[in-house]
Every structure is written in structure tokens, then in C-alpha cells.
């Protein structure tokens, strides 16, 4: 486990990005370090409440000026910002943030994209090759119908065994994919989390308690209520779009290195995606790593390995 070094830079900057109130927290141990931008997944998860966890486990700040970007509609922001979310808008917002970050540092940016954040990172990198040094894609979403089918098959297999007697009943309530509303999406997330495929070795309740504590510490009680409200709004807006997501129909053409990292216990990322997505995108100097004892959010499951990948990028 790593301990964050003393920071000489730690400031949160409000941004007006394409008419939306957003923010970015910049952290580094010393001036002049190269920029790394964290693009959160979820979808709909805020990021600022996880900064302490990133610093404790990954400690990127010793080698980078880390930008923790709070995306459109996330965190304690007005309802209207959450209502204005779309996948295309998230890509445009990321392009704007890249331009801002490049203007602040004068350097090309390494993007650390998580889940759907990895997906929009790949799409933005295609359009901003002069601003991007490379992409670290953590469990990127590629083809939702295939991922949903793989996760459903995994849950059915677990439900047929003797180790999870209540799972069959929960599966009947859940029904088959697609999951287009927040309640069914979150119900499936609970089942997958309890089986260790989201965070390896941790249950949904453990993760939820940590989330609520971190939200309250970061945004306060009222701000946490807004953040949770916005999560529901953003999910309601994005889930129908994500259901039809398929990067294979028109793979991003990326001119910078891409480093894919997947977790072996991630039921949402079948072997076909691990094999086919890097080949379809065909970026230069591509690497692909699949980690044992790691789920969908593997950067917290295997932080030392992930940090070494980032350090070599």
C-alpha cells in the first residue's frame, strides 16, 4: 500500500466547459511534472470524493501533475447540468478539458480512463492527437450487448450452483438485459459486486458504505444528496445510449499509444473484447494486460501493477 507524498500543488479549479459548470483538482508533489488526466467511469460516478483513495493506493502525484476531472452533471452541481449529459457531449467536454490542460502545462497529456471513461478517452484521443501523449484504458466499454450477455451468462451460471441460494430469485426479479433504467442497472451492479467482479473481494454493501462516507466528507450532507440525485439523472440519460454502444462499428483511429488493462474477474469484459478491441483500434505501441485477482475497477484491486503500467507509458 502506498502513501501519498507531500503535495506542493493541490488546487481545485472551476471550469465552464461548453456551458456546464465543471471542475478539476490538480495535485502534484512538485512543479513541472507531466500532466495525467483521470477520466472517471460509472457511468455517472463523481470523482473528487475518490482523490484520497487514488493518492493512497496509486500515488500518481510523485510522477505527474494529476488532473481529477469532475465531469458534466457529476458531484454537487445544478440539476440542469446533469440533464444536459450525452455520450457525444462527454467526448466534446473531454476535448475541451484536454485543450485547457494543455494550455496550462504546455505538454501533451496522458489520459487515465476508467470504464466508460476509457471509452470516451479513446474517442477524444482520436480527435485530439496533438494534445494526447497516450491513453491508459482501464476496462473500457466497447460493445454493450456483448458485455451484457457475458455478465448475464455469468450470473445465471452462479445462480445454478449451490453457493448462492438467493441469486436465482434475484435473477428472476432482474430479468435479461438490456438495463435501460437506473434501478435495474444498479440491481445488476449489486449482484455483480457481491460476486467480486466489480471490486475483487469486496461486497456491494462494503463499497456503498465507503462511497457514502467519501461523498459526505467531500461534498457535505447537502452536496452529497445533490451528487446522488445527479447520479440517477445521468444514468437515466446515458443508459439508453450506452445500450447501443459498439466501438467495433467504427473503431477510433488513434495515433498515440494505448495501454489496455483488464481484470480476469470482470464479468463485464469477456475474452472476445480483450482480444478484439485492441486489434480493431490498431493504435501504435499497443499493450494489453489482463490482471488476476482484479475486477472491473482493477486500478484499486491491483494498484501497484497499474501504477507501473502508467509509469512506463
Protein backbone atom coordinates (compact mmCIF):
# COMPACT_ATOMS: atom_id res chain seq x y z
CA UNK A 1 0.00 0.00 0.00
CA UNK A 2 1.36 3.41 -0.96
CA UNK A 3 1.22 6.64 0.98
CA UNK A 4 0.75 9.93 -0.81
CA UNK A 5 3.81 12.19 -0.66
CA UNK A 6 3.56 15.78 0.48
CA UNK A 7 1.92 17.87 -2.24
CA UNK A 8 3.30 21.20 -3.38
CA UNK A 9 0.35 21.64 -5.76
CA UNK A 10 -3.21 20.95 -4.63
CA UNK A 11 -5.90 23.22 -6.01
CA UNK A 12 -9.43 22.81 -7.33
CA UNK A 13 -10.24 25.00 -10.33
CA UNK A 14 -13.79 25.72 -11.52
CA UNK A 15 -14.27 25.32 -15.26
CA UNK A 16 -17.01 26.42 -17.62
CA UNK A 17 -16.96 23.66 -20.22
CA UNK A 18 -19.38 24.04 -23.12
CA UNK A 19 -21.94 25.78 -20.91
CA UNK A 20 -21.62 23.35 -17.98
CA UNK A 21 -20.19 24.00 -14.51
CA UNK A 22 -17.36 21.53 -14.01
CA UNK A 23 -14.13 21.42 -12.02
CA UNK A 24 -10.70 19.87 -11.94
CA UNK A 25 -8.45 19.23 -8.96
CA UNK A 26 -4.74 19.47 -9.76
CA UNK A 27 -2.27 17.66 -7.48
CA UNK A 28 1.48 17.10 -7.69
CA UNK A 29 4.48 16.77 -5.39
CA UNK A 30 6.44 19.39 -7.31
CA UNK A 31 6.06 21.80 -10.24
CA UNK A 32 6.94 20.84 -13.79
CA UNK A 33 5.70 17.24 -13.77
CA UNK A 34 3.98 15.91 -16.92
CA UNK A 35 0.17 16.02 -16.93
CA UNK A 36 -2.06 12.99 -16.35
CA UNK A 37 -5.84 13.37 -16.61
CA UNK A 38 -8.15 10.94 -14.77
CA UNK A 39 -11.45 10.33 -16.58
CA UNK A 40 -13.91 8.62 -14.25
CA UNK A 41 -16.23 5.78 -15.18
CA UNK A 42 -19.54 4.72 -13.71
CA UNK A 43 -21.33 5.88 -15.69
CA UNK A 44 -22.42 8.90 -13.60
CA UNK A 45 -19.89 8.48 -10.80
CA UNK A 46 -18.28 11.67 -9.48
CA UNK A 47 -14.53 11.67 -8.94
CA UNK A 48 -13.46 14.25 -6.38
CA UNK A 49 -14.57 12.06 -3.48
CA UNK A 50 -12.05 9.40 -4.62
CA UNK A 51 -8.98 11.64 -4.75
CA UNK A 52 -7.76 10.49 -1.33
CA UNK A 53 -8.14 6.86 -2.39
CA UNK A 54 -6.21 7.45 -5.63
CA UNK A 55 -3.46 9.15 -3.69
CA UNK A 56 -3.30 6.46 -1.02
CA UNK A 57 -3.24 3.50 -3.42
CA UNK A 58 -1.78 4.81 -6.67
CA UNK A 59 0.12 7.96 -5.67
CA UNK A 60 0.45 9.23 -9.25
CA UNK A 61 1.38 12.65 -7.86
CA UNK A 62 5.03 11.72 -7.37
CA UNK A 63 5.49 11.46 -11.15
CA UNK A 64 2.65 13.53 -12.64
CA UNK A 65 0.59 16.65 -12.30
CA UNK A 66 -2.67 14.77 -11.85
CA UNK A 67 -5.93 16.32 -13.00
CA UNK A 68 -9.01 14.81 -11.36
CA UNK A 69 -11.79 15.95 -13.69
CA UNK A 70 -15.34 16.19 -12.33
CA UNK A 71 -17.40 15.54 -15.45
CA UNK A 72 -20.61 17.19 -16.61
CA UNK A 73 -23.50 16.51 -14.24
CA UNK A 74 -21.36 14.82 -11.59
CA UNK A 75 -20.97 15.86 -7.97
CA UNK A 76 -22.75 18.75 -6.28
CA UNK A 77 -23.81 20.68 -9.37
CA UNK A 78 -27.18 22.00 -10.59
CA UNK A 79 -29.77 19.55 -11.90
CA UNK A 80 -29.67 21.22 -15.33
CA UNK A 81 -26.03 20.18 -15.82
CA UNK A 82 -26.98 16.55 -15.20
CA UNK A 83 -29.90 16.85 -17.62
CA UNK A 84 -27.57 18.01 -20.40
CA UNK A 85 -25.42 14.84 -20.45
CA UNK A 86 -24.94 12.65 -23.51
CA UNK A 87 -22.09 10.43 -24.66
CA UNK A 88 -21.28 12.76 -27.54
CA UNK A 89 -21.29 15.72 -25.15
CA UNK A 90 -18.94 13.90 -22.76
CA UNK A 91 -16.47 13.41 -25.61
CA UNK A 92 -16.70 17.09 -26.56
CA UNK A 93 -16.26 18.10 -22.93
CA UNK A 94 -13.17 15.92 -22.64
CA UNK A 95 -11.71 17.52 -25.76
CA UNK A 96 -12.25 20.94 -24.17
CA UNK A 97 -10.63 19.84 -20.91
CA UNK A 98 -7.65 18.47 -22.84
CA UNK A 99 -7.23 21.83 -24.58
CA UNK A 100 -7.42 23.63 -21.23
CA UNK A 101 -4.94 21.27 -19.53
CA UNK A 102 -2.53 21.50 -22.47
CA UNK A 103 -2.77 25.29 -22.30
CA UNK A 104 -1.93 25.22 -18.60
CA UNK A 105 1.06 22.88 -18.91
CA UNK A 106 2.32 23.21 -22.47
CA UNK A 107 2.68 19.42 -22.54
CA UNK A 108 0.83 16.52 -24.13
CA UNK A 109 -1.44 14.69 -21.71
CA UNK A 110 -1.54 11.07 -20.63
CA UNK A 111 -5.20 10.06 -20.15
CA UNK A 112 -6.18 7.53 -17.47
CA UNK A 113 -9.70 6.49 -18.49
CA UNK A 114 -11.83 4.10 -16.42
CA UNK A 115 -14.71 2.00 -17.82
CA UNK A 116 -16.95 4.34 -19.88
CA UNK A 117 -14.32 7.00 -19.13
CA UNK A 118 -11.87 4.82 -21.05
CA UNK A 119 -14.32 4.72 -23.94
CA UNK A 120 -14.70 8.48 -24.22
CA UNK A 121 -10.93 8.83 -23.73
CA UNK A 122 -10.33 6.67 -26.81
CA UNK A 123 -12.83 8.73 -28.82
CA UNK A 124 -11.40 12.07 -27.69
CA UNK A 125 -7.82 10.93 -28.33
CA UNK A 126 -8.73 10.18 -31.94
CA UNK A 127 -9.79 13.80 -32.42
CA UNK A 128 -7.01 15.48 -30.40
CA UNK A 129 -3.79 13.62 -31.33
CA UNK A 130 -1.62 16.71 -30.85
CA UNK A 131 -2.78 17.11 -27.24
CA UNK A 132 -2.55 13.48 -26.09
CA UNK A 133 0.60 11.54 -25.20
CA UNK A 134 -1.20 8.23 -24.72
CA UNK A 135 -4.22 6.51 -23.19
CA UNK A 136 -4.38 4.08 -20.27
CA UNK A 137 -7.73 2.35 -20.83
CA UNK A 138 -8.97 0.58 -17.68
CA UNK A 139 -11.79 -1.88 -18.53
CA UNK A 140 -13.11 0.28 -21.39
CA UNK A 141 -16.68 -0.33 -22.51
CA UNK A 142 -16.65 -1.46 -26.13
CA UNK A 143 -19.82 -3.35 -27.09
CA UNK A 144 -22.57 -3.22 -24.52
CA UNK A 145 -24.73 -6.01 -25.93
CA UNK A 146 -21.81 -8.46 -25.77
CA UNK A 147 -20.78 -7.31 -22.28
CA UNK A 148 -24.35 -7.53 -21.00
CA UNK A 149 -24.75 -11.03 -22.43
CA UNK A 150 -21.48 -12.17 -20.83
CA UNK A 151 -22.44 -10.75 -17.43
CA UNK A 152 -25.90 -12.30 -17.64
CA UNK A 153 -24.46 -15.70 -18.51
CA UNK A 154 -22.05 -15.40 -15.58
CA UNK A 155 -24.89 -14.56 -13.17
CA UNK A 156 -27.01 -17.45 -14.48
CA UNK A 157 -24.10 -19.85 -14.03
CA UNK A 158 -23.57 -18.68 -10.46
CA UNK A 159 -27.30 -18.91 -9.74
CA UNK A 160 -27.40 -22.55 -10.88
CA UNK A 161 -24.76 -23.58 -8.35
CA UNK A 162 -25.13 -24.33 -4.63
CA UNK A 163 -23.08 -21.42 -3.29
CA UNK A 164 -25.57 -18.58 -3.87
CA UNK A 165 -29.04 -19.84 -2.98
CA UNK A 166 -30.75 -16.45 -3.24
CA UNK A 167 -29.23 -15.49 -6.55
CA UNK A 168 -31.74 -17.39 -8.70
CA UNK A 169 -34.61 -15.44 -7.17
CA UNK A 170 -32.73 -12.17 -7.63
CA UNK A 171 -32.08 -13.05 -11.27
CA UNK A 172 -35.77 -13.64 -11.86
CA UNK A 173 -36.52 -10.18 -10.50
CA UNK A 174 -33.76 -8.62 -12.57
CA UNK A 175 -34.65 -10.17 -15.90
CA UNK A 176 -32.46 -10.23 -19.00
CA UNK A 177 -30.58 -7.23 -20.45
CA UNK A 178 -30.63 -4.52 -21.65
CA UNK A 179 -30.92 -2.44 -18.47
CA UNK A 180 -32.17 0.99 -19.51
CA UNK A 181 -33.18 2.47 -16.17
CA UNK A 182 -31.15 3.24 -13.03
CA UNK A 183 -32.96 0.76 -10.78
CA UNK A 184 -32.29 -2.33 -12.92
CA UNK A 185 -28.75 -1.20 -13.73
CA UNK A 186 -27.98 -0.75 -10.03
CA UNK A 187 -29.68 -4.06 -9.15
CA UNK A 188 -27.35 -5.88 -11.53
CA UNK A 189 -24.38 -3.92 -10.18
CA UNK A 190 -25.24 -5.15 -6.69
CA UNK A 191 -25.30 -8.79 -7.85
CA UNK A 192 -22.03 -8.49 -9.77
CA UNK A 193 -20.35 -6.66 -6.89
CA UNK A 194 -21.36 -9.30 -4.35
CA UNK A 195 -19.71 -11.90 -6.59
CA UNK A 196 -16.43 -9.96 -6.66
CA UNK A 197 -16.48 -8.89 -10.30
CA UNK A 198 -16.60 -5.09 -9.76
CA UNK A 199 -14.10 -4.76 -6.89
CA UNK A 200 -12.33 -8.07 -6.30
CA UNK A 201 -13.05 -9.48 -2.84
CA UNK A 202 -15.47 -6.71 -1.80
CA UNK A 203 -19.27 -6.76 -1.50
CA UNK A 204 -21.73 -4.17 -2.70
CA UNK A 205 -22.53 -3.05 0.85
CA UNK A 206 -18.86 -2.52 1.64
CA UNK A 207 -18.41 -0.41 -1.48
CA UNK A 208 -21.63 1.53 -0.85
CA UNK A 209 -20.63 2.42 2.72
CA UNK A 210 -17.27 3.67 1.51
CA UNK A 211 -18.98 5.69 -1.22
CA UNK A 212 -21.44 7.42 1.12
CA UNK A 213 -18.70 8.27 3.63
CA UNK A 214 -16.43 9.69 0.93
CA UNK A 215 -19.26 11.70 -0.66
CA UNK A 216 -20.19 13.25 2.67
CA UNK A 217 -16.58 14.07 3.52
CA UNK A 218 -16.07 15.75 0.13
CA UNK A 219 -19.39 17.46 -0.63
CA UNK A 220 -21.08 17.72 2.77
CA UNK A 221 -24.53 16.37 3.58
CA UNK A 222 -26.49 18.61 1.20
CA UNK A 223 -23.89 18.29 -1.55
CA UNK A 224 -23.91 14.50 -1.20
CA UNK A 225 -27.68 14.47 -1.68
CA UNK A 226 -27.22 16.51 -4.86
CA UNK A 227 -24.47 14.18 -6.06
CA UNK A 228 -26.66 11.11 -5.55
CA UNK A 229 -29.59 12.83 -7.27
CA UNK A 230 -27.35 13.70 -10.20
CA UNK A 231 -26.09 10.13 -10.46
CA UNK A 232 -29.66 8.96 -11.02
CA UNK A 233 -30.33 11.70 -13.59
CA UNK A 234 -27.14 10.99 -15.54
CA UNK A 235 -27.80 7.25 -15.52
CA UNK A 236 -31.32 7.86 -16.85
CA UNK A 237 -29.87 9.97 -19.64
CA UNK A 238 -26.93 7.74 -20.58
CA UNK A 239 -28.13 4.16 -20.17
CA UNK A 240 -30.24 4.08 -23.38
CA UNK A 241 -27.23 5.41 -25.32
CA UNK A 242 -24.80 3.02 -23.68
CA UNK A 243 -27.09 0.08 -24.51
CA UNK A 244 -26.34 0.60 -28.20
CA UNK A 245 -22.62 1.38 -27.77
CA UNK A 246 -20.46 -0.55 -30.22
CA UNK A 247 -16.93 0.68 -30.89
CA UNK A 248 -16.45 -2.09 -33.45
CA UNK A 249 -18.86 -0.42 -35.90
CA UNK A 250 -16.43 2.47 -36.28
CA UNK A 251 -13.32 1.93 -34.20
CA UNK A 252 -11.48 5.11 -33.18
CA UNK A 253 -8.35 5.66 -35.28
CA UNK A 254 -5.78 6.63 -32.66
CA UNK A 255 -2.28 7.85 -33.45
CA UNK A 256 -0.89 7.60 -29.90
CA UNK A 257 -0.07 4.54 -27.76
CA UNK A 258 -2.94 2.85 -25.94
CA UNK A 259 -2.37 0.60 -22.93
CA UNK A 260 -5.36 -1.59 -22.13
CA UNK A 261 -5.75 -3.13 -18.69
CA UNK A 262 -8.47 -5.69 -17.90
CA UNK A 263 -9.36 -7.77 -14.85
CA UNK A 264 -9.74 -11.53 -15.09
CA UNK A 265 -12.65 -11.49 -12.64
CA UNK A 266 -14.52 -8.78 -14.56
CA UNK A 267 -17.71 -10.42 -15.81
CA UNK A 268 -18.49 -7.34 -17.93
CA UNK A 269 -15.40 -7.78 -20.11
CA UNK A 270 -15.48 -11.10 -21.98
CA UNK A 271 -12.35 -12.56 -23.55
CA UNK A 272 -13.58 -11.59 -27.03
CA UNK A 273 -13.43 -7.88 -26.13
CA UNK A 274 -9.97 -8.23 -24.57
CA UNK A 275 -8.75 -9.85 -27.77
CA UNK A 276 -10.65 -7.93 -30.44
CA UNK A 277 -10.81 -4.30 -29.24
CA UNK A 278 -7.06 -3.51 -29.38
CA UNK A 279 -6.82 -5.16 -32.79
CA UNK A 280 -9.82 -3.21 -34.10
CA UNK A 281 -8.48 0.16 -32.95
CA UNK A 282 -4.92 -0.60 -34.04
CA UNK A 283 -3.12 2.19 -32.17
CA UNK A 284 0.71 2.28 -32.30
CA UNK A 285 2.66 0.67 -29.46
CA UNK A 286 -0.46 -1.01 -28.07
CA UNK A 287 -0.13 -3.14 -24.95
CA UNK A 288 -2.76 -5.39 -23.35
CA UNK A 289 -2.60 -6.73 -19.80
CA UNK A 290 -5.18 -8.89 -18.02
CA UNK A 291 -4.70 -8.98 -14.26
CA UNK A 292 -5.56 -11.82 -11.89
CA UNK A 293 -7.46 -11.08 -8.69
CA UNK A 294 -8.95 -7.99 -10.30
CA UNK A 295 -12.45 -6.93 -11.27
CA UNK A 296 -13.87 -4.08 -13.36
CA UNK A 297 -12.33 -1.31 -11.22
CA UNK A 298 -8.97 -3.04 -11.22
CA UNK A 299 -6.90 0.08 -10.58
CA UNK A 300 -7.93 -0.23 -6.93
CA UNK A 301 -7.60 -4.04 -6.89
CA UNK A 302 -4.04 -4.10 -8.25
CA UNK A 303 -2.72 -0.55 -7.75
CA UNK A 304 0.98 -1.41 -7.80
CA UNK A 305 0.73 -3.15 -11.18
CA UNK A 306 -1.40 -0.37 -12.63
CA UNK A 307 0.97 2.29 -11.37
CA UNK A 308 3.90 0.51 -13.02
CA UNK A 309 1.99 0.43 -16.33
CA UNK A 310 1.29 4.15 -16.08
CA UNK A 311 4.91 4.86 -15.21
CA UNK A 312 6.10 3.12 -18.38
CA UNK A 313 3.55 4.79 -20.67
